[in-house]
């Protein structure tokens, strides 16, 4: 178990009677409650506030369940759900990096790698390796599951921006060309979903929610 005095569990230590393995697992589960406090840039469709990372991850898992038929390659749905559930855990320590914030993206990989090292070591060694491997798989996007998981990760904010009639598309400097470039990874996992996004972007331009850039 980590000696990090800033872990949430230190505020109210678990019973000493627990096994070391269970104590480590529960400590990790308590620590990742922090994900609920990490705000993203995307606005909610159902309330006048921004979504948090935990809400985002849940939404992605549900989308994988419902939209898996649109994957260009055969995927293991359960494995893909695991990828989207853990992919943002590192933001507990690294913070969220908004899609259209190029300055914040400069050191994003470095911050997230350090956060992964710090967070996943809280688990028992075997589970730490397993979860880290899932996180690395998502980041590398070399498997069909990782490519589809990334596609869903890019699609979800587009839906929220669509419902907000602009949302983060109103970020200074963002044009339809920028939106397409930053979300083009969708087509690596699903051409059909990419076509749907293209339609939303085109209609968003016509509605005045996205600057055409022309």
N, C-alpha and C. Protein backbone atom coordinates (compact mmCIF):
# COMPACT_ATOMS: atom_id res chain seq x y z
N UNK A 1 0.84 -1.19 0.00
CA UNK A 1 0.00 0.00 0.00
C UNK A 1 0.88 1.24 0.00
N UNK A 2 0.48 2.26 -0.77
CA UNK A 2 1.30 3.45 -0.87
C UNK A 2 1.38 4.18 0.45
N UNK A 3 2.53 4.81 0.68
CA UNK A 3 2.72 5.61 1.88
C UNK A 3 2.31 7.06 1.64
N UNK A 4 1.76 7.35 0.46
CA UNK A 4 1.35 8.70 0.10
C UNK A 4 0.30 9.19 1.10
N UNK A 5 0.67 10.21 1.87
CA UNK A 5 -0.22 10.71 2.92
C UNK A 5 -1.40 11.49 2.35
N UNK A 6 -1.37 11.78 1.06
CA UNK A 6 -2.44 12.57 0.46
C UNK A 6 -3.55 11.71 -0.14
N UNK A 7 -3.44 10.40 -0.02
CA UNK A 7 -4.50 9.53 -0.51
C UNK A 7 -5.78 9.79 0.28
N UNK A 8 -6.91 9.69 -0.39
CA UNK A 8 -8.19 9.92 0.28
C UNK A 8 -8.39 8.97 1.45
N UNK A 9 -7.95 7.74 1.29
CA UNK A 9 -8.17 6.74 2.34
C UNK A 9 -7.51 7.14 3.65
N UNK A 10 -6.47 7.97 3.58
CA UNK A 10 -5.79 8.40 4.80
C UNK A 10 -6.69 9.27 5.68
N UNK A 11 -7.74 9.82 5.09
CA UNK A 11 -8.66 10.64 5.88
C UNK A 11 -9.48 9.79 6.86
N UNK A 12 -9.61 8.51 6.54
CA UNK A 12 -10.34 7.59 7.40
C UNK A 12 -9.87 6.18 7.07
N UNK A 13 -8.73 5.75 7.61
CA UNK A 13 -8.11 4.48 7.25
C UNK A 13 -9.05 3.29 7.39
N UNK A 14 -8.87 2.33 6.49
CA UNK A 14 -9.68 1.12 6.50
C UNK A 14 -9.34 0.25 7.71
N UNK A 15 -10.25 -0.65 8.09
CA UNK A 15 -9.98 -1.53 9.23
C UNK A 15 -8.69 -2.34 9.06
N UNK A 16 -7.94 -2.47 10.13
CA UNK A 16 -6.67 -3.21 10.09
C UNK A 16 -6.87 -4.69 9.80
N UNK A 17 -8.08 -5.19 10.02
CA UNK A 17 -8.34 -6.62 9.83
C UNK A 17 -8.38 -7.03 8.36
N UNK A 18 -8.46 -6.07 7.46
CA UNK A 18 -8.53 -6.41 6.04
C UNK A 18 -7.19 -6.96 5.55
N UNK A 19 -7.26 -7.86 4.59
CA UNK A 19 -6.02 -8.36 3.97
C UNK A 19 -5.34 -7.22 3.23
N UNK A 20 -4.05 -7.34 3.02
CA UNK A 20 -3.32 -6.30 2.30
C UNK A 20 -3.86 -6.10 0.89
N UNK A 21 -4.21 -7.20 0.24
CA UNK A 21 -4.71 -7.11 -1.14
C UNK A 21 -6.03 -6.35 -1.19
N UNK A 22 -6.95 -6.72 -0.33
CA UNK A 22 -8.25 -6.05 -0.33
C UNK A 22 -8.10 -4.59 0.08
N UNK A 23 -7.24 -4.32 1.04
CA UNK A 23 -7.03 -2.94 1.47
C UNK A 23 -6.48 -2.09 0.32
N UNK A 24 -5.55 -2.66 -0.46
CA UNK A 24 -5.00 -1.94 -1.60
C UNK A 24 -6.08 -1.69 -2.66
N UNK A 25 -6.89 -2.71 -2.92
CA UNK A 25 -7.94 -2.57 -3.92
C UNK A 25 -8.97 -1.51 -3.51
N UNK A 26 -9.39 -1.56 -2.26
CA UNK A 26 -10.38 -0.60 -1.78
C UNK A 26 -9.79 0.82 -1.72
N UNK A 27 -8.52 0.91 -1.37
CA UNK A 27 -7.86 2.22 -1.34
C UNK A 27 -7.84 2.85 -2.73
N UNK A 28 -7.56 2.02 -3.74
CA UNK A 28 -7.57 2.50 -5.12
C UNK A 28 -8.97 2.96 -5.52
N UNK A 29 -9.97 2.14 -5.18
CA UNK A 29 -11.35 2.47 -5.52
C UNK A 29 -11.77 3.79 -4.86
N UNK A 30 -11.34 3.99 -3.62
CA UNK A 30 -11.64 5.25 -2.93
C UNK A 30 -10.92 6.41 -3.63
N UNK A 31 -9.66 6.18 -3.99
CA UNK A 31 -8.86 7.26 -4.61
C UNK A 31 -9.46 7.72 -5.94
N UNK A 32 -9.97 6.78 -6.73
CA UNK A 32 -10.49 7.18 -8.04
C UNK A 32 -11.86 7.85 -7.93
N UNK A 33 -12.39 7.98 -6.71
CA UNK A 33 -13.57 8.82 -6.52
C UNK A 33 -13.26 10.26 -6.92
N UNK A 34 -11.97 10.61 -6.94
CA UNK A 34 -11.55 11.95 -7.37
C UNK A 34 -11.96 12.23 -8.81
N UNK A 35 -12.18 11.18 -9.61
CA UNK A 35 -12.54 11.38 -11.01
C UNK A 35 -13.84 12.19 -11.13
N UNK A 36 -14.70 12.07 -10.13
CA UNK A 36 -15.97 12.79 -10.15
C UNK A 36 -15.79 14.29 -10.00
N UNK A 37 -14.60 14.72 -9.61
CA UNK A 37 -14.35 16.14 -9.40
C UNK A 37 -13.58 16.79 -10.54
N UNK A 38 -13.15 15.98 -11.52
CA UNK A 38 -12.37 16.52 -12.65
C UNK A 38 -13.32 17.00 -13.72
N UNK A 39 -13.42 18.31 -13.88
CA UNK A 39 -14.34 18.88 -14.86
C UNK A 39 -13.73 18.88 -16.26
N UNK A 40 -14.57 18.57 -17.22
CA UNK A 40 -14.20 18.63 -18.63
C UNK A 40 -14.76 19.93 -19.23
N UNK A 41 -14.37 20.21 -20.45
CA UNK A 41 -14.86 21.43 -21.11
C UNK A 41 -16.28 21.25 -21.64
N UNK A 42 -16.67 20.02 -21.93
CA UNK A 42 -17.96 19.76 -22.57
C UNK A 42 -19.15 20.10 -21.67
N UNK A 43 -20.16 20.74 -22.23
CA UNK A 43 -21.38 21.02 -21.47
C UNK A 43 -22.29 19.80 -21.46
N UNK A 44 -23.03 19.62 -20.39
CA UNK A 44 -24.02 18.56 -20.35
C UNK A 44 -25.21 18.91 -21.24
N UNK A 45 -25.88 17.89 -21.75
CA UNK A 45 -27.11 18.11 -22.51
C UNK A 45 -28.29 18.31 -21.57
N UNK A 46 -28.22 17.75 -20.35
CA UNK A 46 -29.37 17.72 -19.46
C UNK A 46 -29.34 18.78 -18.36
N UNK A 47 -28.24 19.52 -18.23
CA UNK A 47 -28.13 20.52 -17.16
C UNK A 47 -27.17 21.61 -17.59
N UNK A 48 -27.31 22.77 -16.95
CA UNK A 48 -26.47 23.91 -17.30
C UNK A 48 -25.16 23.87 -16.50
N UNK A 49 -24.33 22.89 -16.82
CA UNK A 49 -23.01 22.77 -16.21
C UNK A 49 -22.15 21.89 -17.09
N UNK A 50 -20.86 21.84 -16.77
CA UNK A 50 -19.94 20.98 -17.51
C UNK A 50 -19.96 19.57 -16.94
N UNK A 51 -19.64 18.61 -17.78
CA UNK A 51 -19.59 17.23 -17.30
C UNK A 51 -18.27 16.97 -16.59
N UNK A 52 -18.26 15.94 -15.76
CA UNK A 52 -17.00 15.53 -15.14
C UNK A 52 -16.50 14.24 -15.77
N UNK A 53 -15.28 13.88 -15.45
CA UNK A 53 -14.65 12.72 -16.09
C UNK A 53 -15.37 11.41 -15.81
N UNK A 54 -15.91 11.27 -14.62
CA UNK A 54 -16.61 10.02 -14.29
C UNK A 54 -17.88 9.89 -15.14
N UNK A 55 -18.59 10.99 -15.31
CA UNK A 55 -19.78 10.98 -16.17
C UNK A 55 -19.39 10.66 -17.61
N UNK A 56 -18.32 11.25 -18.05
CA UNK A 56 -17.83 11.01 -19.41
C UNK A 56 -17.51 9.53 -19.62
N UNK A 57 -16.78 8.94 -18.68
CA UNK A 57 -16.38 7.54 -18.82
C UNK A 57 -17.59 6.61 -18.82
N UNK A 58 -18.56 6.89 -17.96
CA UNK A 58 -19.79 6.08 -17.96
C UNK A 58 -20.51 6.19 -19.30
N UNK A 59 -20.59 7.41 -19.83
CA UNK A 59 -21.28 7.63 -21.09
C UNK A 59 -20.60 6.85 -22.22
N UNK A 60 -19.27 6.84 -22.21
CA UNK A 60 -18.54 6.10 -23.23
C UNK A 60 -18.81 4.60 -23.15
N UNK A 61 -18.84 4.07 -21.94
CA UNK A 61 -19.10 2.63 -21.77
C UNK A 61 -20.47 2.27 -22.33
N UNK A 62 -21.45 3.11 -22.07
CA UNK A 62 -22.80 2.86 -22.60
C UNK A 62 -22.80 2.97 -24.12
N UNK A 63 -22.09 3.94 -24.66
CA UNK A 63 -22.02 4.10 -26.11
C UNK A 63 -21.37 2.90 -26.78
N UNK A 64 -20.32 2.36 -26.16
CA UNK A 64 -19.68 1.16 -26.71
C UNK A 64 -20.68 0.02 -26.78
N UNK A 65 -21.45 -0.16 -25.72
CA UNK A 65 -22.47 -1.21 -25.70
C UNK A 65 -23.46 -1.05 -26.85
N UNK A 66 -23.92 0.17 -27.06
CA UNK A 66 -25.00 0.42 -28.01
C UNK A 66 -24.53 0.58 -29.45
N UNK A 67 -23.31 1.03 -29.66
CA UNK A 67 -22.85 1.37 -31.00
C UNK A 67 -21.81 0.41 -31.56
N UNK A 68 -21.56 -0.69 -30.88
CA UNK A 68 -20.49 -1.60 -31.31
C UNK A 68 -20.71 -2.16 -32.71
N UNK A 69 -21.96 -2.21 -33.17
CA UNK A 69 -22.24 -2.71 -34.52
C UNK A 69 -21.60 -1.84 -35.59
N UNK A 70 -21.25 -0.61 -35.25
CA UNK A 70 -20.68 0.32 -36.23
C UNK A 70 -19.16 0.25 -36.29
N UNK A 71 -18.55 -0.60 -35.50
CA UNK A 71 -17.09 -0.76 -35.55
C UNK A 71 -16.70 -1.36 -36.90
N UNK A 72 -15.65 -0.81 -37.50
CA UNK A 72 -15.20 -1.34 -38.80
C UNK A 72 -14.60 -2.72 -38.69
N UNK A 73 -14.04 -3.04 -37.52
CA UNK A 73 -13.44 -4.35 -37.30
C UNK A 73 -14.18 -5.05 -36.16
N UNK A 74 -14.14 -6.34 -36.14
CA UNK A 74 -14.76 -7.09 -35.06
C UNK A 74 -14.07 -6.73 -33.74
N UNK A 75 -14.87 -6.40 -32.72
CA UNK A 75 -14.29 -6.04 -31.43
C UNK A 75 -14.89 -6.87 -30.30
N UNK A 76 -14.12 -6.99 -29.24
CA UNK A 76 -14.60 -7.57 -27.99
C UNK A 76 -15.23 -6.41 -27.22
N UNK A 77 -16.56 -6.42 -27.11
CA UNK A 77 -17.27 -5.29 -26.51
C UNK A 77 -16.86 -5.09 -25.05
N UNK A 78 -16.78 -6.18 -24.30
CA UNK A 78 -16.41 -6.07 -22.90
C UNK A 78 -15.03 -5.47 -22.72
N UNK A 79 -14.09 -5.90 -23.56
CA UNK A 79 -12.72 -5.37 -23.47
C UNK A 79 -12.71 -3.88 -23.83
N UNK A 80 -13.49 -3.51 -24.84
CA UNK A 80 -13.54 -2.11 -25.25
C UNK A 80 -14.15 -1.25 -24.14
N UNK A 81 -15.13 -1.78 -23.43
CA UNK A 81 -15.72 -1.06 -22.31
C UNK A 81 -14.68 -0.84 -21.21
N UNK A 82 -13.85 -1.85 -20.98
CA UNK A 82 -12.79 -1.69 -19.97
C UNK A 82 -11.84 -0.56 -20.37
N UNK A 83 -11.53 -0.48 -21.65
CA UNK A 83 -10.63 0.56 -22.12
C UNK A 83 -11.19 1.96 -21.86
N UNK A 84 -12.47 2.16 -22.16
CA UNK A 84 -13.02 3.51 -21.99
C UNK A 84 -13.26 3.85 -20.52
N UNK A 85 -13.47 2.83 -19.70
CA UNK A 85 -13.68 3.10 -18.27
C UNK A 85 -12.40 3.56 -17.59
N UNK A 86 -11.26 3.03 -18.01
CA UNK A 86 -10.00 3.37 -17.33
C UNK A 86 -9.21 4.48 -18.03
N UNK A 87 -9.56 4.84 -19.26
CA UNK A 87 -8.67 5.69 -20.05
C UNK A 87 -8.43 7.08 -19.45
N UNK A 88 -9.41 7.61 -18.70
CA UNK A 88 -9.26 8.95 -18.14
C UNK A 88 -8.89 8.95 -16.66
N UNK A 89 -8.65 7.80 -16.07
CA UNK A 89 -8.32 7.76 -14.64
C UNK A 89 -7.09 8.60 -14.32
N UNK A 90 -6.15 8.66 -15.25
CA UNK A 90 -4.92 9.41 -14.99
C UNK A 90 -5.19 10.90 -14.80
N UNK A 91 -6.33 11.37 -15.28
CA UNK A 91 -6.64 12.79 -15.16
C UNK A 91 -6.95 13.19 -13.72
N UNK A 92 -7.08 12.21 -12.84
CA UNK A 92 -7.19 12.49 -11.41
C UNK A 92 -6.00 13.33 -10.95
N UNK A 93 -4.82 13.00 -11.46
CA UNK A 93 -3.61 13.72 -11.10
C UNK A 93 -3.11 14.64 -12.22
N UNK A 94 -3.38 14.27 -13.48
CA UNK A 94 -2.86 15.05 -14.60
C UNK A 94 -3.79 16.18 -15.01
N UNK A 95 -5.05 16.09 -14.62
CA UNK A 95 -6.04 17.07 -15.04
C UNK A 95 -6.52 16.79 -16.46
N UNK A 96 -7.67 17.35 -16.81
CA UNK A 96 -8.21 17.18 -18.16
C UNK A 96 -7.49 18.13 -19.11
N UNK A 97 -7.25 17.66 -20.32
CA UNK A 97 -6.67 18.50 -21.36
C UNK A 97 -7.73 18.72 -22.43
N UNK A 98 -8.35 19.89 -22.47
CA UNK A 98 -9.40 20.15 -23.46
C UNK A 98 -8.90 19.91 -24.88
N UNK A 99 -9.77 19.39 -25.71
CA UNK A 99 -9.41 18.98 -27.07
C UNK A 99 -8.84 20.14 -27.89
N UNK A 100 -9.36 21.34 -27.64
CA UNK A 100 -8.95 22.47 -28.47
C UNK A 100 -7.94 23.38 -27.77
N UNK A 101 -7.33 22.90 -26.70
CA UNK A 101 -6.33 23.67 -25.97
C UNK A 101 -4.94 23.17 -26.37
N UNK A 102 -4.35 23.80 -27.38
CA UNK A 102 -3.07 23.33 -27.89
C UNK A 102 -1.93 23.56 -26.90
N UNK A 103 -2.03 24.62 -26.10
CA UNK A 103 -0.98 24.88 -25.12
C UNK A 103 -0.93 23.78 -24.07
N UNK A 104 -2.10 23.38 -23.57
CA UNK A 104 -2.16 22.34 -22.55
C UNK A 104 -1.73 20.99 -23.10
N UNK A 105 -1.91 20.80 -24.40
CA UNK A 105 -1.57 19.52 -25.01
C UNK A 105 -0.06 19.32 -25.14
N UNK A 106 0.71 20.39 -25.01
CA UNK A 106 2.16 20.31 -25.22
C UNK A 106 2.83 19.31 -24.31
N UNK A 107 2.42 19.28 -23.04
CA UNK A 107 3.05 18.34 -22.09
C UNK A 107 2.05 17.30 -21.59
N UNK A 108 0.98 17.11 -22.33
CA UNK A 108 -0.06 16.17 -21.90
C UNK A 108 0.47 14.76 -21.71
N UNK A 109 1.21 14.25 -22.66
CA UNK A 109 1.71 12.87 -22.55
C UNK A 109 2.60 12.71 -21.33
N UNK A 110 3.47 13.67 -21.09
CA UNK A 110 4.37 13.60 -19.95
C UNK A 110 3.59 13.61 -18.64
N UNK A 111 2.60 14.49 -18.53
CA UNK A 111 1.79 14.58 -17.31
C UNK A 111 1.01 13.29 -17.08
N UNK A 112 0.46 12.75 -18.14
CA UNK A 112 -0.38 11.56 -17.98
C UNK A 112 0.44 10.31 -17.70
N UNK A 113 1.62 10.20 -18.29
CA UNK A 113 2.50 9.06 -17.98
C UNK A 113 2.88 9.08 -16.51
N UNK A 114 3.22 10.26 -16.00
CA UNK A 114 3.59 10.37 -14.58
C UNK A 114 2.40 10.04 -13.69
N UNK A 115 1.21 10.48 -14.09
CA UNK A 115 0.01 10.19 -13.31
C UNK A 115 -0.31 8.70 -13.31
N UNK A 116 -0.10 8.04 -14.45
CA UNK A 116 -0.34 6.59 -14.54
C UNK A 116 0.60 5.85 -13.60
N UNK A 117 1.87 6.24 -13.59
CA UNK A 117 2.84 5.60 -12.69
C UNK A 117 2.39 5.76 -11.23
N UNK A 118 1.94 6.93 -10.89
CA UNK A 118 1.56 7.23 -9.50
C UNK A 118 0.27 6.53 -9.09
N UNK A 119 -0.71 6.51 -9.98
CA UNK A 119 -2.03 5.99 -9.62
C UNK A 119 -2.09 4.47 -9.63
N UNK A 120 -1.64 3.85 -10.69
CA UNK A 120 -1.84 2.41 -10.84
C UNK A 120 -1.00 1.60 -9.85
N UNK A 121 0.07 2.18 -9.32
CA UNK A 121 0.88 1.45 -8.35
C UNK A 121 0.15 1.25 -7.03
N UNK A 122 -0.97 1.91 -6.85
CA UNK A 122 -1.75 1.72 -5.62
C UNK A 122 -2.38 0.33 -5.57
N UNK A 123 -2.57 -0.29 -6.73
CA UNK A 123 -3.20 -1.60 -6.81
C UNK A 123 -2.19 -2.72 -6.51
N UNK A 124 -2.69 -3.91 -6.19
CA UNK A 124 -1.80 -5.07 -6.12
C UNK A 124 -1.04 -5.20 -7.45
N UNK A 125 0.17 -5.74 -7.40
CA UNK A 125 1.06 -5.73 -8.57
C UNK A 125 0.40 -6.32 -9.82
N UNK A 126 -0.30 -7.44 -9.69
CA UNK A 126 -0.89 -8.07 -10.87
C UNK A 126 -1.97 -7.18 -11.49
N UNK A 127 -2.78 -6.56 -10.66
CA UNK A 127 -3.83 -5.69 -11.19
C UNK A 127 -3.25 -4.37 -11.69
N UNK A 128 -2.20 -3.89 -11.06
CA UNK A 128 -1.54 -2.67 -11.54
C UNK A 128 -1.02 -2.88 -12.96
N UNK A 129 -0.42 -4.04 -13.22
CA UNK A 129 0.09 -4.33 -14.56
C UNK A 129 -1.06 -4.45 -15.57
N UNK A 130 -2.14 -5.07 -15.16
CA UNK A 130 -3.30 -5.28 -16.04
C UNK A 130 -3.93 -3.94 -16.41
N UNK A 131 -4.19 -3.09 -15.42
CA UNK A 131 -4.81 -1.80 -15.67
C UNK A 131 -3.88 -0.91 -16.49
N UNK A 132 -2.59 -0.93 -16.17
CA UNK A 132 -1.65 -0.13 -16.94
C UNK A 132 -1.60 -0.60 -18.39
N UNK A 133 -1.68 -1.90 -18.61
CA UNK A 133 -1.67 -2.43 -19.97
C UNK A 133 -2.90 -1.96 -20.74
N UNK A 134 -4.05 -1.90 -20.08
CA UNK A 134 -5.26 -1.39 -20.72
C UNK A 134 -5.08 0.08 -21.09
N UNK A 135 -4.53 0.85 -20.18
CA UNK A 135 -4.33 2.28 -20.44
C UNK A 135 -3.37 2.48 -21.61
N UNK A 136 -2.28 1.72 -21.60
CA UNK A 136 -1.30 1.80 -22.69
C UNK A 136 -1.93 1.39 -24.02
N UNK A 137 -2.78 0.37 -24.00
CA UNK A 137 -3.44 -0.09 -25.22
C UNK A 137 -4.33 1.00 -25.80
N UNK A 138 -5.10 1.66 -24.95
CA UNK A 138 -5.95 2.75 -25.41
C UNK A 138 -5.12 3.85 -26.06
N UNK A 139 -4.03 4.23 -25.38
CA UNK A 139 -3.19 5.31 -25.88
C UNK A 139 -2.53 4.97 -27.21
N UNK A 140 -2.11 3.71 -27.37
CA UNK A 140 -1.38 3.31 -28.59
C UNK A 140 -2.31 3.12 -29.79
N UNK A 141 -3.54 2.73 -29.55
CA UNK A 141 -4.55 2.55 -30.61
C UNK A 141 -4.10 1.55 -31.68
N UNK A 142 -3.46 0.48 -31.24
CA UNK A 142 -2.99 -0.51 -32.20
C UNK A 142 -3.96 -1.68 -32.36
N UNK A 143 -4.96 -1.78 -31.50
CA UNK A 143 -5.92 -2.88 -31.58
C UNK A 143 -7.27 -2.35 -32.07
N UNK A 144 -8.10 -3.22 -32.65
CA UNK A 144 -9.44 -2.78 -33.07
C UNK A 144 -10.23 -2.18 -31.92
N UNK A 145 -10.10 -2.79 -30.74
CA UNK A 145 -10.83 -2.28 -29.57
C UNK A 145 -10.38 -0.87 -29.20
N UNK A 146 -9.08 -0.63 -29.23
CA UNK A 146 -8.56 0.68 -28.88
C UNK A 146 -8.96 1.73 -29.91
N UNK A 147 -8.97 1.36 -31.18
CA UNK A 147 -9.36 2.31 -32.22
C UNK A 147 -10.83 2.68 -32.08
N UNK A 148 -11.67 1.69 -31.77
CA UNK A 148 -13.09 2.00 -31.61
C UNK A 148 -13.32 2.78 -30.32
N UNK A 149 -12.59 2.44 -29.27
CA UNK A 149 -12.71 3.18 -28.01
C UNK A 149 -12.36 4.65 -28.22
N UNK A 150 -11.30 4.91 -28.98
CA UNK A 150 -10.90 6.29 -29.26
C UNK A 150 -11.95 7.00 -30.11
N UNK A 151 -12.54 6.28 -31.05
CA UNK A 151 -13.60 6.86 -31.87
C UNK A 151 -14.77 7.31 -31.01
N UNK A 152 -15.16 6.47 -30.07
CA UNK A 152 -16.27 6.81 -29.18
C UNK A 152 -15.90 7.97 -28.27
N UNK A 153 -14.64 8.01 -27.83
CA UNK A 153 -14.15 9.10 -26.98
C UNK A 153 -14.23 10.45 -27.71
N UNK A 154 -14.03 10.43 -29.01
CA UNK A 154 -14.13 11.66 -29.81
C UNK A 154 -15.58 11.99 -30.19
N UNK A 155 -16.39 10.96 -30.36
CA UNK A 155 -17.79 11.17 -30.76
C UNK A 155 -18.61 11.80 -29.65
N UNK A 156 -18.41 11.36 -28.42
CA UNK A 156 -19.26 11.80 -27.31
C UNK A 156 -19.29 13.32 -27.13
N UNK A 157 -18.13 14.00 -27.13
CA UNK A 157 -18.18 15.46 -26.99
C UNK A 157 -18.88 16.15 -28.16
N UNK A 158 -18.81 15.55 -29.34
CA UNK A 158 -19.50 16.13 -30.49
C UNK A 158 -21.02 16.14 -30.26
N UNK A 159 -21.52 15.06 -29.68
CA UNK A 159 -22.95 15.00 -29.38
C UNK A 159 -23.33 16.08 -28.37
N UNK A 160 -22.48 16.28 -27.35
CA UNK A 160 -22.77 17.30 -26.34
C UNK A 160 -22.69 18.70 -26.94
N UNK A 161 -21.71 18.94 -27.81
CA UNK A 161 -21.62 20.24 -28.47
C UNK A 161 -22.82 20.48 -29.39
N UNK A 162 -23.24 19.42 -30.06
CA UNK A 162 -24.43 19.53 -30.92
C UNK A 162 -25.65 19.94 -30.09
N UNK A 163 -25.84 19.30 -28.95
CA UNK A 163 -26.99 19.62 -28.11
C UNK A 163 -26.89 21.02 -27.52
N UNK A 164 -25.66 21.51 -27.35
CA UNK A 164 -25.46 22.87 -26.81
C UNK A 164 -25.48 23.93 -27.91
N UNK A 165 -25.69 23.49 -29.14
CA UNK A 165 -25.67 24.40 -30.29
C UNK A 165 -24.34 25.15 -30.38
N UNK A 166 -23.29 24.41 -30.13
CA UNK A 166 -21.95 24.97 -30.26
C UNK A 166 -20.99 24.48 -29.19
N UNK A 167 -21.29 24.76 -27.93
CA UNK A 167 -20.43 24.30 -26.85
C UNK A 167 -18.98 24.71 -27.06
N UNK A 168 -18.08 23.73 -26.99
CA UNK A 168 -16.65 24.05 -27.13
C UNK A 168 -16.26 24.39 -28.56
N UNK A 169 -17.18 24.25 -29.51
CA UNK A 169 -16.90 24.71 -30.87
C UNK A 169 -16.76 26.23 -30.91
N UNK A 170 -17.23 26.89 -29.86
CA UNK A 170 -17.11 28.35 -29.79
C UNK A 170 -15.77 28.80 -29.20
N UNK A 171 -14.90 27.87 -28.89
CA UNK A 171 -13.56 28.21 -28.39
C UNK A 171 -12.84 29.07 -29.43
N UNK A 172 -12.21 30.18 -29.02
CA UNK A 172 -11.48 31.02 -29.98
C UNK A 172 -10.50 30.21 -30.84
N UNK A 173 -10.55 30.46 -32.13
CA UNK A 173 -9.64 29.78 -33.05
C UNK A 173 -10.16 28.46 -33.59
N UNK A 174 -11.28 27.97 -33.07
CA UNK A 174 -11.83 26.69 -33.52
C UNK A 174 -12.72 26.92 -34.74
N UNK A 175 -12.43 26.21 -35.80
CA UNK A 175 -13.22 26.24 -37.02
C UNK A 175 -13.62 24.81 -37.37
N UNK A 176 -14.44 24.67 -38.40
CA UNK A 176 -14.85 23.33 -38.82
C UNK A 176 -13.64 22.50 -39.22
N UNK A 177 -12.64 23.16 -39.84
CA UNK A 177 -11.42 22.44 -40.21
C UNK A 177 -10.70 21.90 -38.98
N UNK A 178 -10.65 22.70 -37.91
CA UNK A 178 -10.00 22.27 -36.68
C UNK A 178 -10.79 21.12 -36.05
N UNK A 179 -12.11 21.22 -36.02
CA UNK A 179 -12.95 20.17 -35.45
C UNK A 179 -12.71 18.86 -36.20
N UNK A 180 -12.69 18.92 -37.52
CA UNK A 180 -12.46 17.71 -38.31
C UNK A 180 -11.09 17.11 -38.01
N UNK A 181 -10.09 17.97 -37.92
CA UNK A 181 -8.73 17.48 -37.69
C UNK A 181 -8.60 16.81 -36.32
N UNK A 182 -9.21 17.43 -35.30
CA UNK A 182 -9.07 16.90 -33.94
C UNK A 182 -9.93 15.66 -33.70
N UNK A 183 -10.92 15.44 -34.55
CA UNK A 183 -11.81 14.29 -34.35
C UNK A 183 -11.66 13.25 -35.46
N UNK A 184 -10.67 13.43 -36.33
CA UNK A 184 -10.53 12.54 -37.48
C UNK A 184 -10.24 11.10 -37.09
N UNK A 185 -9.77 10.88 -35.86
CA UNK A 185 -9.51 9.53 -35.40
C UNK A 185 -10.74 8.66 -35.36
N UNK A 186 -11.90 9.29 -35.42
CA UNK A 186 -13.15 8.51 -35.42
C UNK A 186 -13.18 7.57 -36.62
N UNK A 187 -12.69 8.05 -37.75
CA UNK A 187 -12.76 7.21 -38.96
C UNK A 187 -11.84 6.01 -38.89
N UNK A 188 -10.87 6.01 -37.96
CA UNK A 188 -10.01 4.84 -37.79
C UNK A 188 -10.75 3.69 -37.12
N UNK A 189 -11.83 4.03 -36.42
CA UNK A 189 -12.61 2.99 -35.74
C UNK A 189 -13.95 2.71 -36.38
N UNK A 190 -14.50 3.72 -37.06
CA UNK A 190 -15.83 3.55 -37.66
C UNK A 190 -16.08 4.58 -38.74
N UNK A 191 -16.12 4.15 -39.98
CA UNK A 191 -16.43 5.07 -41.07
C UNK A 191 -17.87 5.57 -40.98
N UNK A 192 -18.78 4.73 -40.52
CA UNK A 192 -20.18 5.14 -40.41
C UNK A 192 -20.36 6.24 -39.38
N UNK A 193 -19.70 6.11 -38.25
CA UNK A 193 -19.80 7.15 -37.23
C UNK A 193 -19.11 8.42 -37.70
N UNK A 194 -18.01 8.28 -38.45
CA UNK A 194 -17.34 9.46 -39.00
C UNK A 194 -18.26 10.19 -39.99
N UNK A 195 -18.99 9.43 -40.79
CA UNK A 195 -19.95 10.04 -41.72
C UNK A 195 -21.03 10.80 -40.95
N UNK A 196 -21.47 10.24 -39.83
CA UNK A 196 -22.49 10.91 -39.00
C UNK A 196 -21.93 12.21 -38.43
N UNK A 197 -20.67 12.17 -37.99
CA UNK A 197 -20.03 13.38 -37.47
C UNK A 197 -19.90 14.43 -38.56
N UNK A 198 -19.53 14.00 -39.77
CA UNK A 198 -19.42 14.93 -40.90
C UNK A 198 -20.75 15.64 -41.12
N UNK A 199 -21.85 14.91 -41.02
CA UNK A 199 -23.17 15.52 -41.20
C UNK A 199 -23.46 16.55 -40.11
N UNK A 200 -23.08 16.22 -38.86
CA UNK A 200 -23.32 17.16 -37.77
C UNK A 200 -22.48 18.42 -37.93
N UNK A 201 -21.24 18.25 -38.38
CA UNK A 201 -20.38 19.41 -38.59
C UNK A 201 -20.95 20.29 -39.71
N UNK A 202 -21.35 19.69 -40.81
CA UNK A 202 -21.90 20.46 -41.92
C UNK A 202 -23.17 21.19 -41.51
N UNK A 203 -24.05 20.51 -40.80
CA UNK A 203 -25.28 21.16 -40.33
C UNK A 203 -24.95 22.23 -39.28
N UNK A 204 -23.90 21.99 -38.47
CA UNK A 204 -23.48 22.98 -37.48
C UNK A 204 -22.97 24.26 -38.14
N UNK A 205 -22.29 24.10 -39.27
CA UNK A 205 -21.82 25.27 -40.02
C UNK A 205 -23.02 26.08 -40.53
N UNK A 206 -23.98 25.36 -41.12
CA UNK A 206 -25.16 26.03 -41.68
C UNK A 206 -25.97 26.74 -40.59
N UNK A 207 -25.97 26.16 -39.39
CA UNK A 207 -26.73 26.75 -38.28
C UNK A 207 -25.97 27.89 -37.58
N UNK A 208 -24.69 28.04 -37.93
CA UNK A 208 -23.90 29.09 -37.29
C UNK A 208 -23.27 28.68 -35.98
N UNK A 209 -23.25 27.38 -35.70
CA UNK A 209 -22.69 26.89 -34.43
C UNK A 209 -21.18 26.63 -34.56
N UNK A 210 -20.71 26.49 -35.78
CA UNK A 210 -19.29 26.26 -36.04
C UNK A 210 -18.86 27.24 -37.13
N UNK A 211 -17.72 27.88 -36.95
CA UNK A 211 -17.19 28.76 -37.98
C UNK A 211 -16.64 27.91 -39.11
N UNK A 212 -16.99 28.25 -40.32
CA UNK A 212 -16.55 27.45 -41.47
C UNK A 212 -15.04 27.54 -41.68
N UNK A 213 -14.45 28.69 -41.35
CA UNK A 213 -13.02 28.86 -41.54
C UNK A 213 -12.67 29.29 -42.94
N UNK A 214 -13.67 29.41 -43.79
CA UNK A 214 -13.43 29.82 -45.18
C UNK A 214 -13.58 31.32 -45.36
